[in-house]
C-alpha atoms as a PDB file:
ATOM      1  CA  MET A   1       9.771  -4.181   5.550  1.00  0.00           C
ATOM      2  CA  ASP A   2       9.076  -7.888   5.410  1.00  0.00           C
ATOM      3  CA  PRO A   3       6.988  -8.496   2.241  1.00  0.00           C
ATOM      4  CA  LYS A   4       5.086 -11.155   4.157  1.00  0.00           C
ATOM      5  CA  LYS A   5       3.591  -8.598   6.529  1.00  0.00           C
ATOM      6  CA  PRO A   6       1.207  -5.761   5.684  1.00  0.00           C
ATOM      7  CA  TYR A   7       1.598  -2.190   6.892  1.00  0.00           C
ATOM      8  CA  ILE A   8      -0.976  -1.725   9.670  1.00  0.00           C
ATOM      9  CA  ILE A   9      -1.925   1.951   9.869  1.00  0.00           C
ATOM     10  CA  THR A  10      -4.614   3.992  11.571  1.00  0.00           C
ATOM     11  CA  GLU A  11      -5.643   6.403   8.834  1.00  0.00           C
ATOM     12  CA  THR A  12      -7.555   9.642   9.161  1.00  0.00           C
ATOM     13  CA  LYS A  13     -10.270  10.729   6.755  1.00  0.00           C
ATOM     14  CA  GLY A  14      -9.007  11.969   3.388  1.00  0.00           C
ATOM     15  CA  THR A  15      -7.248  11.027   0.165  1.00  0.00           C
ATOM     16  CA  LYS A  16      -4.254   8.706   0.533  1.00  0.00           C
ATOM     17  CA  TYR A  17      -1.696   7.720  -2.088  1.00  0.00           C
ATOM     18  CA  TYR A  18      -0.043   4.354  -1.470  1.00  0.00           C
ATOM     19  CA  CYS A  19       3.149   3.308  -3.249  1.00  0.00           C
ATOM     20  CA  ALA A  20       2.657   0.843  -6.110  1.00  0.00           C
ATOM     21  CA  CYS A  21       6.258   0.626  -7.332  1.00  0.00           C
ATOM     22  CA  GLY A  22       8.153  -0.379  -4.191  1.00  0.00           C
ATOM     23  CA  ARG A  23      10.684   2.453  -4.610  1.00  0.00           C
ATOM     24  CA  SER A  24       9.268   4.941  -2.097  1.00  0.00           C
ATOM     25  CA  GLN A  25      11.408   5.963   0.861  1.00  0.00           C
ATOM     26  CA  LYS A  26       8.169   6.693   2.767  1.00  0.00           C
ATOM     27  CA  MET A  27       6.478   3.296   2.458  1.00  0.00           C
ATOM     28  CA  PRO A  28       3.645   2.568   2.266  1.00  0.00           C
ATOM     29  CA  TYR A  29       3.017   6.091   0.974  1.00  0.00           C
ATOM     30  CA  CYS A  30       4.010   7.348  -2.462  1.00  0.00           C
ATOM     31  CA  ASP A  31       6.886   9.834  -2.553  1.00  0.00           C
ATOM     32  CA  GLY A  32       7.044  10.191  -6.347  1.00  0.00           C
ATOM     33  CA  ALA A  33       9.861   7.642  -6.823  1.00  0.00           C
ATOM     34  CA  HIS A  34       7.743   5.907  -9.506  1.00  0.00           C
ATOM     35  CA  LYS A  35       8.295   8.735 -11.994  1.00  0.00           C
ATOM     36  CA  GLY A  36       9.339   7.305 -15.354  1.00  0.00           C
ATOM     37  CA  SER A  37       8.358   3.743 -14.406  1.00  0.00           C
ATOM     38  CA  GLY A  38       4.885   3.784 -15.961  1.00  0.00           C
ATOM     39  CA  LEU A  39       3.391   2.943 -12.560  1.00  0.00           C
ATOM     40  CA  HIS A  40       1.090   5.178 -10.549  1.00  0.00           C
ATOM     41  CA  PRO A  41       0.222   5.263  -6.846  1.00  0.00           C
ATOM     42  CA  ASP A  42      -2.909   3.621  -5.484  1.00  0.00           C
ATOM     43  CA  LYS A  43      -5.320   6.480  -4.690  1.00  0.00           C
ATOM     44  CA  VAL A  44      -7.753   5.695  -1.879  1.00  0.00           C
ATOM     45  CA  GLU A  45     -10.468   7.805  -0.243  1.00  0.00           C
ATOM     46  CA  ILE A  46     -10.672   7.070   3.469  1.00  0.00           C
ATOM     47  CA  GLU A  47     -14.191   8.013   4.548  1.00  0.00           C
ATOM     48  CA  GLU A  48     -13.606   7.914   8.309  1.00  0.00           C
ATOM     49  CA  GLU A  49     -10.749   7.203  10.693  1.00  0.00           C
ATOM     50  CA  LYS A  50      -9.987   3.487  10.667  1.00  0.00           C
ATOM     51  CA  THR A  51      -7.185   0.954  10.810  1.00  0.00           C
ATOM     52  CA  VAL A  52      -6.131  -0.463   7.436  1.00  0.00           C
ATOM     53  CA  ALA A  53      -3.719  -3.189   6.348  1.00  0.00           C
ATOM     54  CA  ILE A  54      -1.746  -2.066   3.286  1.00  0.00           C
ATOM     55  CA  CYS A  55      -0.294  -4.891   1.181  1.00  0.00           C
ATOM     56  CA  SER A  56       3.502  -4.994   0.984  1.00  0.00           C
ATOM     57  CA  CYS A  57       3.819  -8.063  -1.284  1.00  0.00           C
ATOM     58  CA  ARG A  58       1.753  -6.462  -4.114  1.00  0.00           C
ATOM     59  CA  SER A  59       0.016  -9.811  -4.724  1.00  0.00           C
ATOM     60  CA  SER A  60      -3.313  -9.010  -3.062  1.00  0.00           C
ATOM     61  CA  ALA A  61      -6.456  -9.269  -5.178  1.00  0.00           C
ATOM     62  CA  ASN A  62      -7.687  -6.189  -3.286  1.00  0.00           C
ATOM     63  CA  LEU A  63      -4.768  -3.742  -3.747  1.00  0.00           C
ATOM     64  CA  PRO A  64      -3.722  -1.641  -2.013  1.00  0.00           C
ATOM     65  CA  PHE A  65      -5.294  -3.533   0.861  1.00  0.00           C
ATOM     66  CA  CYS A  66      -3.943  -6.819   2.183  1.00  0.00           C
ATOM     67  CA  ASP A  67      -6.079  -9.919   1.628  1.00  0.00           C
ATOM     68  CA  GLY A  68      -3.683 -12.427   3.228  1.00  0.00           C
ATOM     69  CA  THR A  69      -2.114 -13.609  -0.036  1.00  0.00           C
ATOM     70  CA  HIS A  70       1.337 -13.082   1.539  1.00  0.00           C
ATOM     71  CA  ASN A  71       0.691 -16.174   3.689  1.00  0.00           C
ATOM     72  CA  ALA A  72       0.922 -18.365   0.571  1.00  0.00           C
ATOM     73  CA  LEU A  73       4.159 -16.795  -0.716  1.00  0.00           C
ATOM     74  CA  GLN A  74       7.493 -18.507  -0.204  1.00  0.00           C
END
């Protein structure tokens, strides 16, 4: 995945766990690859079905959601 583009996903209601370490084979979702790294997934409650933009550059001020910061990265 290009770190300058977010993951655009239509999510259903429920608890979601988004990868925070960059090691997951199921990006943007956590698959447990962070074990031993000291990092933990981003837990998010989705209240209703909606489209979300999940940050792939990990520089957003609103993690795990994209805030457009990737546009300023080189």
